[in-house]
Amino acid sequence: MKMHAGMSRAFGPLLLLQLGVIAWAPSHLLTWSYAVVLAMLTLTVLACWRRLRFSVRHNRPLWSLLLLALIAQGGAFGLLFTDSLSNPLGTLVAFDPTLYFCLSSLLLTIAAAYNPIATLYRWASIVDSLLACAIAALFYYTLHGVLNAASPQPPPATFVMWMFDAMGLFVAVFATLRLVSTKRSDERRFFFVLTVFGWLDAVLPGIHNRFILSSESYLPELLLGLPFVVLGFLLGRRRKVWFRNYRPSRRIRYVAESISPFVMSLALCCLAFAQLGKNPFLATATLVLAITSYAARNAIVLGQHLAFEDDLRQLKRGLQQAIVRDELSSLLNRRGFYQRLSREWENALKTGRSLSVAMIDIDSFKAFNDTYGHLAGDDCLAAVAHALQREASQQPDVIVARYGGEEFVALMSGYDVDASGDILQRLRRRVEAMQIQHARSTQHVVTISAGLASTTTTPYPDSDKFLNAADEALYVAKRSGRNRIQWAE
């Protein structure tokens, strides 16, 4: 922490030193000015490296890209410093730093496009990175062609200045879009730093270049180091989280995430149009790349969204099954049974179709649990449920559900009194035939008792009365000795 605070405090003396160099106006002013900027940049690189060490794992690629961009700018200013040793007036003769400035802009754009979390966004980030590489390469090719032209038109200095302004503005806008659409606070910290540096690195050098073209004052040289000073200060604020309470709305995120790929493709198209008169083949290939990459990115996003929709449909289907299905027995639970009973009751009222319902209970199940344990009791419930389901599945329009605890319920549609009784007797015999040992039962095996009600014998006013009649008949069957069927009176 002391080292970090010391680096932050060192920027003030360096700014004063640069101001002193400009005020004294020595013969090698640019050399000393570039040396001070390199010192500022070195401190910023060290601060970024420390930030990279303390960052969480999934954010390290972001800070690494920013660090590499700063190193690339260090290479550019190193070339300017070296060239100024033999050219005090700042005329670039020996070296050309534009490649390193382009490389820095490329790395900053990739950092703004990179998403370290979701797989979908990682694939989209790859497409965005390829677009950023194409933009940087075509930008450098266009700029290099202008600088090497015999009689450039418009004037090279003005054209180069506007080119760098456009590149800086592009990086700043792209970083801002990521800042306003980022949900995670740790990522928002990075994109705030990147946005501030992007705008300063676009605006301040632009002001510097215009002053250099319009006046002979060297005071604008102070502007070259200010972006690194501000960036170093932001990097030194280790525990500070900007926009702590900011949460982007869904609309803002959708708009920002939709605009970002469009901005990149549009930038590449603009560079392609600039090459139409000079290199038609390159311009055509670039336009095809811009359109294809934009379509590929949309295809990736669309395909992933379709996959998400399939997953959501499966999840919804599973949740719907979980709501109406009993987990232990795989039968309909009480909710699912009531839904089925409501439909069958309405259908019976409309069509006059007969309807029978049976409340079923495992005899002496509490004693079974006390004797063999709850795990054995769960196995017994599952076995009885399976036996009831297998027997019921052999008859059309017969369903069995778990009503709760050791109670089951059977619903039979379209069967008269005798047929309903026969079906229920087969259910009872199927359970008894499993011969599940039950030492505290009078039959010494697991059995069931049931109470049966039918609309053919009694006109029930509603389904609740209908079900209650079967439940009362069940209690009569239990009091009458168990392992039997009892009709509702």
Protein backbone atom coordinates (compact mmCIF):
# COMPACT_ATOMS: atom_id res chain seq x y z
CA MET A 1 0.00 0.00 0.00
CA LYS A 2 2.86 2.38 0.82
CA MET A 3 4.41 1.69 -2.57
CA HIS A 4 1.07 2.36 -4.26
CA ALA A 5 0.59 5.65 -2.41
CA GLY A 6 4.17 6.65 -3.25
CA MET A 7 3.59 6.06 -6.97
CA SER A 8 0.41 8.17 -6.88
CA ARG A 9 2.22 11.05 -5.16
CA ALA A 10 5.04 10.92 -7.72
CA PHE A 11 2.77 12.16 -10.53
CA GLY A 12 2.60 15.68 -9.06
CA PRO A 13 6.38 16.33 -9.15
CA LEU A 14 6.56 14.89 -12.67
CA LEU A 15 3.89 17.33 -13.88
CA LEU A 16 5.79 20.20 -12.25
CA LEU A 17 8.99 18.94 -13.86
CA GLN A 18 7.36 18.91 -17.30
CA LEU A 19 6.02 22.42 -16.73
CA GLY A 20 9.51 23.56 -15.73
CA VAL A 21 11.00 22.02 -18.86
CA ILE A 22 8.49 23.90 -21.01
CA ALA A 23 9.08 27.18 -19.12
CA TRP A 24 12.85 27.00 -19.49
CA ALA A 25 12.48 26.03 -23.18
CA PRO A 26 15.84 24.34 -23.66
CA SER A 27 17.01 23.36 -27.06
CA HIS A 28 15.96 19.74 -26.47
CA LEU A 29 12.57 20.51 -24.97
CA LEU A 30 10.71 17.69 -26.74
CA THR A 31 13.31 15.18 -25.61
CA TRP A 32 12.89 16.12 -21.95
CA SER A 33 9.10 16.33 -22.32
CA TYR A 34 8.89 12.85 -23.81
CA ALA A 35 11.19 11.58 -21.07
CA VAL A 36 8.81 12.90 -18.40
CA VAL A 37 5.80 11.37 -20.23
CA LEU A 38 7.66 8.04 -20.32
CA ALA A 39 8.27 8.31 -16.57
CA MET A 40 4.55 8.93 -15.99
CA LEU A 41 3.67 6.06 -18.27
CA THR A 42 6.09 3.78 -16.43
CA LEU A 43 4.45 4.57 -13.09
CA THR A 44 1.02 3.90 -14.64
CA VAL A 45 2.22 0.57 -16.01
CA LEU A 46 3.45 -0.42 -12.54
CA ALA A 47 0.12 0.61 -11.01
CA CYS A 48 -1.78 -1.41 -13.62
CA TRP A 49 0.46 -4.41 -13.00
CA ARG A 50 -0.29 -4.21 -9.27
CA ARG A 51 -4.00 -3.95 -10.04
CA LEU A 52 -3.68 -7.06 -12.21
CA ARG A 53 -2.10 -8.98 -9.33
CA PHE A 54 -4.92 -8.12 -6.92
CA SER A 55 -7.80 -8.61 -9.36
CA VAL A 56 -10.13 -11.61 -9.31
CA ARG A 57 -9.30 -14.39 -11.72
CA HIS A 58 -12.03 -13.85 -14.32
CA ASN A 59 -11.12 -10.13 -14.59
CA ARG A 60 -7.39 -10.65 -15.14
CA PRO A 61 -7.69 -10.78 -18.95
CA LEU A 62 -9.28 -7.30 -18.84
CA TRP A 63 -6.50 -5.76 -16.77
CA SER A 64 -3.90 -7.64 -18.84
CA LEU A 65 -5.23 -6.08 -22.04
CA LEU A 66 -5.09 -2.61 -20.47
CA LEU A 67 -1.53 -3.28 -19.32
CA LEU A 68 -0.49 -4.38 -22.83
CA ALA A 69 -2.15 -1.28 -24.31
CA LEU A 70 -0.12 0.93 -21.96
CA ILE A 71 3.05 -0.92 -22.90
CA ALA A 72 2.23 -0.37 -26.58
CA GLN A 73 1.82 3.34 -25.91
CA GLY A 74 5.12 3.21 -24.07
CA GLY A 75 6.67 1.84 -27.26
CA ALA A 76 5.18 4.71 -29.26
CA PHE A 77 6.46 7.40 -26.88
CA GLY A 78 9.79 5.59 -26.73
CA LEU A 79 10.10 5.99 -30.49
CA LEU A 80 9.10 9.66 -30.22
CA PHE A 81 11.75 10.16 -27.54
CA THR A 82 14.40 8.41 -29.63
CA ASP A 83 13.49 10.40 -32.73
CA SER A 84 13.59 13.69 -30.78
CA LEU A 85 17.21 13.08 -29.84
CA SER A 86 18.23 13.74 -33.43
CA ASN A 87 15.23 15.84 -34.47
CA PRO A 88 14.60 18.48 -31.77
CA LEU A 89 11.73 20.01 -33.75
CA GLY A 90 9.73 16.78 -33.53
CA THR A 91 9.80 15.86 -37.21
CA LEU A 92 9.41 12.11 -37.49
CA VAL A 93 12.32 10.99 -39.62
CA ALA A 94 13.90 7.89 -38.12
CA PHE A 95 10.88 6.13 -36.60
CA ASP A 96 7.13 5.85 -37.10
CA PRO A 97 5.13 5.34 -33.85
CA THR A 98 1.72 4.99 -35.52
CA LEU A 99 1.88 1.19 -35.42
CA TYR A 100 2.15 1.19 -31.64
CA PHE A 101 -0.67 3.70 -31.25
CA CYS A 102 -2.84 1.48 -33.47
CA LEU A 103 -1.84 -1.57 -31.44
CA SER A 104 -2.80 0.23 -28.22
CA SER A 105 -6.21 1.17 -29.64
CA LEU A 106 -6.69 -2.44 -30.77
CA LEU A 107 -5.96 -3.80 -27.28
CA LEU A 108 -8.28 -1.25 -25.65
CA THR A 109 -11.08 -2.20 -28.08
CA ILE A 110 -10.61 -5.91 -27.36
CA ALA A 111 -10.70 -5.14 -23.63
CA ALA A 112 -14.00 -3.28 -24.11
CA ALA A 113 -15.42 -6.18 -26.13
CA TYR A 114 -14.25 -9.01 -23.87
CA ASN A 115 -16.78 -10.62 -21.54
CA PRO A 116 -15.15 -12.97 -19.02
CA ILE A 117 -18.28 -14.64 -17.64
CA ALA A 118 -20.86 -16.13 -20.00
CA THR A 119 -19.94 -18.65 -22.70
CA LEU A 120 -22.26 -16.89 -25.16
CA TYR A 121 -20.46 -13.58 -24.68
CA ARG A 122 -17.05 -15.23 -24.94
CA TRP A 123 -17.93 -16.46 -28.43
CA ALA A 124 -19.28 -13.04 -29.33
CA SER A 125 -16.10 -11.51 -27.89
CA ILE A 126 -14.04 -13.61 -30.29
CA VAL A 127 -15.97 -12.19 -33.24
CA ASP A 128 -15.62 -8.67 -31.83
CA SER A 129 -11.89 -9.22 -31.37
CA LEU A 130 -11.51 -10.28 -35.00
CA LEU A 131 -13.42 -7.16 -36.04
CA ALA A 132 -11.16 -5.03 -33.84
CA CYS A 133 -8.07 -6.58 -35.47
CA ALA A 134 -9.48 -5.87 -38.92
CA ILE A 135 -10.29 -2.26 -37.94
CA ALA A 136 -6.80 -1.66 -36.53
CA ALA A 137 -5.09 -3.28 -39.52
CA LEU A 138 -7.11 -1.32 -42.08
CA PHE A 139 -6.68 1.88 -40.06
CA TYR A 140 -2.91 1.44 -40.05
CA TYR A 141 -2.90 0.50 -43.74
CA THR A 142 -4.90 3.64 -44.62
CA LEU A 143 -2.73 5.85 -42.42
CA HIS A 144 0.49 4.34 -43.70
CA GLY A 145 -0.67 4.87 -47.28
CA VAL A 146 -1.35 8.56 -46.63
CA LEU A 147 2.00 9.13 -44.93
CA ASN A 148 3.92 7.47 -47.75
CA ALA A 149 1.99 9.18 -50.57
CA ALA A 150 3.97 11.56 -52.78
CA SER A 151 1.40 14.36 -52.72
CA PRO A 152 -1.30 13.49 -50.20
CA GLN A 153 -4.60 15.28 -50.37
CA PRO A 154 -5.90 16.41 -47.91
CA PRO A 155 -2.72 17.52 -46.10
CA PRO A 156 -1.16 14.58 -44.20
CA ALA A 157 -1.00 16.32 -40.80
CA THR A 158 -4.70 17.24 -40.79
CA PHE A 159 -5.77 13.86 -42.15
CA VAL A 160 -3.65 11.95 -39.64
CA MET A 161 -5.01 14.09 -36.82
CA TRP A 162 -8.61 13.35 -37.79
CA MET A 163 -7.81 9.67 -38.21
CA PHE A 164 -6.43 9.40 -34.69
CA ASP A 165 -9.37 11.42 -33.35
CA ALA A 166 -11.77 8.94 -34.97
CA MET A 167 -9.89 5.96 -33.54
CA GLY A 168 -9.78 7.46 -30.06
CA LEU A 169 -13.47 8.35 -30.20
CA PHE A 170 -14.30 4.84 -31.34
CA VAL A 171 -12.46 3.29 -28.36
CA ALA A 172 -14.06 5.74 -25.90
CA VAL A 173 -17.60 5.14 -27.18
CA PHE A 174 -17.14 1.39 -27.14
CA ALA A 175 -15.83 1.47 -23.56
CA THR A 176 -18.73 3.69 -22.49
CA LEU A 177 -21.26 1.23 -23.92
CA ARG A 178 -19.73 -1.54 -21.84
CA LEU A 179 -19.71 0.64 -18.71
CA VAL A 180 -23.44 1.46 -18.86
CA SER A 181 -24.42 -2.15 -19.59
CA THR A 182 -22.23 -3.99 -17.06
CA LYS A 183 -24.04 -5.53 -14.09
CA ARG A 184 -21.13 -6.79 -11.96
CA SER A 185 -19.47 -4.24 -9.70
CA ASP A 186 -15.95 -5.66 -10.17
CA GLU A 187 -16.26 -5.39 -13.96
CA ARG A 188 -17.85 -1.95 -13.65
CA ARG A 189 -14.72 -0.78 -11.81
CA PHE A 190 -12.56 -1.81 -14.75
CA PHE A 191 -14.84 -0.33 -17.41
CA PHE A 192 -15.06 2.95 -15.49
CA VAL A 193 -11.25 3.16 -15.52
CA LEU A 194 -11.17 2.18 -19.19
CA THR A 195 -13.88 4.71 -20.13
CA VAL A 196 -12.19 7.60 -18.34
CA PHE A 197 -8.82 6.76 -19.88
CA GLY A 198 -10.42 6.24 -23.31
CA TRP A 199 -12.04 9.68 -23.35
CA LEU A 200 -8.94 11.42 -21.99
CA ASP A 201 -6.73 9.60 -24.48
CA ALA A 202 -9.07 10.69 -27.29
CA VAL A 203 -9.71 14.32 -26.29
CA LEU A 204 -6.41 15.54 -24.80
CA PRO A 205 -4.10 14.33 -27.64
CA GLY A 206 -6.61 15.82 -30.12
CA ILE A 207 -6.36 19.20 -28.38
CA HIS A 208 -2.58 18.84 -28.29
CA ASN A 209 -2.38 18.14 -32.01
CA ARG A 210 -4.53 21.14 -32.92
CA PHE A 211 -2.46 23.49 -30.77
CA ILE A 212 0.73 22.17 -32.36
CA LEU A 213 -0.66 22.81 -35.85
CA SER A 214 -1.96 26.29 -35.06
CA SER A 215 0.74 27.72 -32.77
CA GLU A 216 4.40 27.41 -31.86
CA SER A 217 3.78 27.08 -28.11
CA TYR A 218 4.99 23.93 -26.38
CA LEU A 219 2.58 24.32 -23.47
CA PRO A 220 0.20 21.68 -24.94
CA GLU A 221 2.92 19.08 -24.25
CA LEU A 222 1.46 18.96 -20.73
CA LEU A 223 -1.65 17.31 -22.17
CA LEU A 224 0.24 14.22 -23.34
CA GLY A 225 0.91 12.94 -19.84
CA LEU A 226 -2.42 13.84 -18.23
CA PRO A 227 -4.25 10.67 -19.35
CA PHE A 228 -1.60 8.55 -17.65
CA VAL A 229 -1.70 10.70 -14.52
CA VAL A 230 -5.47 10.32 -14.19
CA LEU A 231 -5.28 6.61 -14.99
CA GLY A 232 -2.54 6.11 -12.40
CA PHE A 233 -4.67 7.91 -9.81
CA LEU A 234 -7.70 5.73 -10.60
CA LEU A 235 -5.60 2.57 -10.45
CA GLY A 236 -4.32 3.66 -7.05
CA ARG A 237 -7.86 3.77 -5.61
CA ARG A 238 -7.78 0.11 -4.70
CA ARG A 239 -10.93 -0.16 -2.60
CA LYS A 240 -13.01 2.38 -4.45
CA VAL A 241 -16.00 1.08 -6.42
CA TRP A 242 -17.48 3.72 -8.71
CA PHE A 243 -21.21 3.62 -9.42
CA ARG A 244 -21.63 1.30 -6.42
CA ASN A 245 -25.40 1.64 -6.44
CA TYR A 246 -25.77 1.76 -10.23
CA ARG A 247 -27.70 -1.10 -11.78
CA PRO A 248 -28.36 -0.94 -15.53
CA SER A 249 -31.95 -1.46 -16.51
CA ARG A 250 -32.87 -4.24 -18.90
CA ARG A 251 -33.60 -1.72 -21.66
CA ILE A 252 -30.19 -0.03 -21.27
CA ARG A 253 -28.40 -3.37 -21.39
CA TYR A 254 -30.30 -4.49 -24.48
CA VAL A 255 -29.66 -1.22 -26.30
CA ALA A 256 -25.97 -1.07 -25.38
CA GLU A 257 -25.31 -4.71 -26.24
CA SER A 258 -27.13 -4.28 -29.56
CA ILE A 259 -25.28 -1.09 -30.53
CA SER A 260 -21.77 -2.39 -29.76
CA PRO A 261 -21.43 -4.88 -32.66
CA PHE A 262 -23.15 -2.40 -34.98
CA VAL A 263 -20.59 0.29 -34.08
CA MET A 264 -17.70 -2.04 -34.85
CA SER A 265 -19.13 -3.16 -38.18
CA LEU A 266 -19.94 0.45 -39.09
CA ALA A 267 -16.38 1.54 -38.31
CA LEU A 268 -15.00 -1.21 -40.53
CA CYS A 269 -17.41 -0.25 -43.34
CA CYS A 270 -16.29 3.39 -43.13
CA LEU A 271 -12.65 2.35 -43.47
CA ALA A 272 -13.63 0.13 -46.40
CA PHE A 273 -15.35 3.04 -48.17
CA ALA A 274 -12.15 5.07 -47.76
CA GLN A 275 -10.35 2.41 -49.84
CA LEU A 276 -12.90 2.18 -52.66
CA GLY A 277 -11.04 4.53 -55.01
CA LYS A 278 -7.56 3.23 -54.12
CA ASN A 279 -7.96 -0.49 -53.64
CA PRO A 280 -11.39 -1.78 -54.73
CA PHE A 281 -10.53 -5.40 -53.96
CA LEU A 282 -9.49 -4.61 -50.39
CA ALA A 283 -12.58 -2.41 -49.92
CA THR A 284 -14.89 -5.17 -51.18
CA ALA A 285 -13.23 -7.82 -49.03
CA THR A 286 -13.50 -5.56 -45.99
CA LEU A 287 -17.19 -4.87 -46.59
CA VAL A 288 -17.84 -8.60 -46.94
CA LEU A 289 -15.94 -9.20 -43.69
CA ALA A 290 -17.94 -6.51 -41.86
CA ILE A 291 -21.28 -7.87 -43.04
CA THR A 292 -20.30 -11.52 -42.50
CA SER A 293 -18.94 -10.94 -39.01
CA TYR A 294 -22.01 -8.99 -37.99
CA ALA A 295 -24.24 -11.77 -39.33
CA ALA A 296 -22.09 -14.44 -37.63
CA ARG A 297 -22.30 -12.64 -34.30
CA ASN A 298 -26.07 -12.35 -34.59
CA ALA A 299 -26.26 -16.02 -35.55
CA ILE A 300 -24.26 -16.95 -32.43
CA VAL A 301 -26.51 -14.87 -30.21
CA LEU A 302 -29.69 -16.15 -31.89
CA GLY A 303 -28.56 -19.76 -31.68
CA GLN A 304 -27.71 -19.39 -28.02
CA HIS A 305 -31.04 -17.73 -27.31
CA LEU A 306 -32.87 -20.57 -29.06
CA ALA A 307 -30.92 -23.02 -26.92
CA PHE A 308 -31.90 -21.01 -23.84
CA GLU A 309 -35.54 -21.16 -24.92
CA ASP A 310 -35.34 -24.95 -25.28
CA ASP A 311 -33.78 -25.21 -21.82
CA LEU A 312 -36.48 -22.94 -20.40
CA ARG A 313 -39.20 -25.03 -22.00
CA GLN A 314 -37.71 -28.21 -20.55
CA LEU A 315 -37.35 -26.53 -17.18
CA LYS A 316 -40.93 -25.33 -17.33
CA ARG A 317 -42.11 -28.82 -18.25
CA GLY A 318 -40.10 -30.27 -15.38
CA LEU A 319 -41.48 -27.72 -12.94
CA GLN A 320 -45.01 -28.42 -14.10
CA GLN A 321 -44.42 -32.13 -13.56
CA ALA A 322 -42.89 -31.45 -10.15
CA ILE A 323 -45.94 -29.42 -9.14
CA VAL A 324 -48.42 -32.22 -9.90
CA ARG A 325 -46.22 -35.31 -9.36
CA ASP A 326 -45.22 -36.99 -6.12
CA GLU A 327 -41.44 -37.44 -5.97
CA LEU A 328 -41.42 -40.70 -3.99
CA SER A 329 -44.13 -42.62 -5.86
CA SER A 330 -44.05 -40.83 -9.27
CA LEU A 331 -47.85 -40.74 -9.10
CA LEU A 332 -49.99 -37.63 -9.31
CA ASN A 333 -49.91 -35.73 -6.02
CA ARG A 334 -52.92 -34.14 -4.35
CA ARG A 335 -52.71 -31.02 -6.52
CA GLY A 336 -52.54 -33.08 -9.71
CA PHE A 337 -55.39 -35.29 -8.56
CA TYR A 338 -57.65 -32.33 -7.79
CA GLN A 339 -56.98 -30.91 -11.26
CA ARG A 340 -57.93 -34.24 -12.85
CA LEU A 341 -60.98 -34.64 -10.58
CA SER A 342 -62.19 -31.15 -11.49
CA ARG A 343 -62.00 -31.92 -15.23
CA GLU A 344 -63.68 -35.32 -14.87
CA TRP A 345 -66.41 -33.91 -12.61
CA GLU A 346 -67.26 -31.16 -15.12
CA ASN A 347 -67.27 -33.71 -17.92
CA ALA A 348 -69.57 -36.02 -15.93
CA LEU A 349 -72.02 -33.18 -15.29
CA LYS A 350 -72.15 -32.30 -19.00
CA THR A 351 -72.32 -35.80 -20.44
CA GLY A 352 -73.92 -37.80 -17.62
CA ARG A 353 -70.98 -40.18 -17.60
CA SER A 354 -70.60 -42.25 -14.43
CA LEU A 355 -67.71 -41.44 -12.10
CA SER A 356 -66.30 -43.43 -9.18
CA VAL A 357 -63.65 -42.47 -6.63
CA ALA A 358 -61.88 -44.58 -4.01
CA MET A 359 -59.86 -43.46 -1.00
CA ILE A 360 -57.16 -46.07 -0.31
CA ASP A 361 -55.07 -46.45 2.85
CA ILE A 362 -52.23 -48.83 3.73
CA ASP A 363 -53.31 -50.84 6.76
CA SER A 364 -51.37 -50.26 10.01
CA PHE A 365 -48.71 -48.23 8.24
CA LYS A 366 -47.65 -46.38 11.41
CA ALA A 367 -46.91 -49.72 13.02
CA PHE A 368 -44.90 -50.71 9.93
CA ASN A 369 -42.79 -47.55 10.25
CA ASP A 370 -42.28 -48.11 13.98
CA THR A 371 -41.18 -51.70 13.36
CA TYR A 372 -38.99 -51.41 10.26
CA GLY A 373 -38.03 -47.72 10.16
CA HIS A 374 -38.91 -44.81 7.93
CA LEU A 375 -36.60 -45.83 5.08
CA ALA A 376 -38.35 -49.19 4.85
CA GLY A 377 -41.63 -47.29 5.06
CA ASP A 378 -40.63 -45.18 2.03
CA ASP A 379 -39.76 -48.37 0.14
CA CYS A 380 -43.14 -49.81 1.08
CA LEU A 381 -44.95 -46.68 -0.16
CA ALA A 382 -43.07 -46.79 -3.45
CA ALA A 383 -43.80 -50.52 -3.92
CA VAL A 384 -47.52 -50.10 -3.18
CA ALA A 385 -47.71 -47.09 -5.52
CA HIS A 386 -46.02 -49.09 -8.29
CA ALA A 387 -48.42 -52.02 -7.83
CA LEU A 388 -51.47 -49.75 -7.88
CA GLN A 389 -50.20 -47.94 -10.98
CA ARG A 390 -49.47 -51.18 -12.86
CA GLU A 391 -52.92 -52.56 -12.16
CA ALA A 392 -54.69 -49.27 -12.94
CA SER A 393 -52.79 -48.88 -16.21
CA GLN A 394 -54.43 -52.04 -17.52
CA GLN A 395 -57.85 -50.32 -17.42
CA PRO A 396 -58.72 -47.26 -19.53
CA ASP A 397 -59.71 -44.03 -17.78
CA VAL A 398 -58.45 -45.19 -14.39
CA ILE A 399 -55.87 -43.10 -12.57
CA VAL A 400 -54.20 -43.55 -9.19
CA ALA A 401 -52.68 -40.69 -7.18
CA ARG A 402 -50.96 -40.29 -3.85
CA TYR A 403 -53.25 -38.26 -1.64
CA GLY A 404 -50.79 -37.80 1.21
CA GLY A 405 -48.85 -39.94 3.70
CA GLU A 406 -49.95 -43.55 3.29
CA GLU A 407 -53.20 -42.57 1.54
CA PHE A 408 -53.87 -43.04 -2.16
CA VAL A 409 -56.87 -42.23 -4.31
CA ALA A 410 -58.24 -43.87 -7.46
CA LEU A 411 -60.51 -42.16 -9.99
CA MET A 412 -62.51 -44.28 -12.42
CA SER A 413 -64.44 -42.66 -15.29
CA GLY A 414 -67.22 -44.46 -17.20
CA TYR A 415 -67.54 -47.47 -14.88
CA ASP A 416 -70.73 -48.56 -13.13
CA VAL A 417 -70.88 -49.74 -9.54
CA ASP A 418 -69.97 -53.37 -10.19
CA ALA A 419 -67.11 -52.57 -12.57
CA SER A 420 -65.65 -50.01 -10.16
CA GLY A 421 -65.80 -52.54 -7.34
CA ASP A 422 -64.06 -55.17 -9.48
CA ILE A 423 -61.25 -52.76 -10.37
CA LEU A 424 -60.74 -51.80 -6.73
CA GLN A 425 -60.68 -55.46 -5.67
CA ARG A 426 -57.95 -56.14 -8.24
CA LEU A 427 -55.98 -53.23 -6.80
CA ARG A 428 -56.36 -54.65 -3.29
CA ARG A 429 -55.32 -58.15 -4.37
CA ARG A 430 -52.32 -56.84 -6.31
CA VAL A 431 -50.95 -55.15 -3.18
CA GLU A 432 -51.59 -58.22 -1.02
CA ALA A 433 -49.93 -60.45 -3.61
CA MET A 434 -46.62 -58.59 -3.19
CA GLN A 435 -46.28 -60.31 0.23
CA ILE A 436 -44.42 -57.43 1.87
CA GLN A 437 -43.80 -58.66 5.39
CA HIS A 438 -45.64 -56.80 8.16
CA ALA A 439 -45.29 -58.51 11.55
CA ARG A 440 -47.81 -56.25 13.30
CA SER A 441 -50.59 -56.74 10.72
CA THR A 442 -53.33 -59.33 11.18
CA GLN A 443 -52.51 -60.72 7.72
CA HIS A 444 -48.73 -60.50 8.42
CA VAL A 445 -48.30 -58.78 5.04
CA VAL A 446 -48.94 -55.27 3.81
CA THR A 447 -52.57 -54.77 2.75
CA ILE A 448 -54.84 -51.90 1.84
CA SER A 449 -58.36 -50.82 2.68
CA ALA A 450 -60.53 -48.61 0.50
CA GLY A 451 -63.74 -46.64 0.56
CA LEU A 452 -65.61 -46.32 -2.74
CA ALA A 453 -68.21 -43.77 -3.90
CA SER A 454 -69.98 -43.59 -7.25
CA THR A 455 -72.23 -41.05 -8.93
CA THR A 456 -74.42 -43.88 -10.22
CA THR A 457 -75.68 -44.64 -6.72
CA THR A 458 -75.81 -41.17 -5.13
CA PRO A 459 -76.23 -37.73 -6.80
CA TYR A 460 -73.50 -35.78 -5.02
CA PRO A 461 -73.85 -31.96 -5.18
CA ASP A 462 -70.14 -31.32 -5.74
CA SER A 463 -66.81 -33.09 -5.99
CA ASP A 464 -65.86 -32.33 -2.36
CA LYS A 465 -68.94 -34.17 -1.07
CA PHE A 466 -68.17 -36.95 -3.52
CA LEU A 467 -64.62 -37.32 -2.16
CA ASN A 468 -65.73 -37.02 1.47
CA ALA A 469 -68.17 -39.89 0.96
CA ALA A 470 -65.34 -42.15 -0.19
CA ASP A 471 -63.22 -41.02 2.77
CA GLU A 472 -65.97 -41.85 5.25
CA ALA A 473 -66.39 -45.26 3.63
CA LEU A 474 -62.64 -45.82 4.09
CA TYR A 475 -62.95 -45.27 7.84
CA VAL A 476 -65.78 -47.81 7.93
CA ALA A 477 -63.54 -50.31 6.12
CA LYS A 478 -60.74 -49.70 8.63
CA ARG A 479 -63.06 -50.20 11.60
CA SER A 480 -64.49 -53.35 10.01
CA GLY A 481 -61.21 -55.25 10.01
CA ARG A 482 -59.06 -53.74 7.22
CA ASN A 483 -57.96 -55.37 3.92
CA ARG A 484 -61.40 -54.81 2.45
CA ILE A 485 -63.51 -52.53 0.25
CA GLN A 486 -66.41 -50.51 1.64
CA TRP A 487 -69.07 -48.77 -0.46
CA ALA A 488 -70.24 -45.34 0.58
CA GLU A 489 -73.81 -45.28 1.91
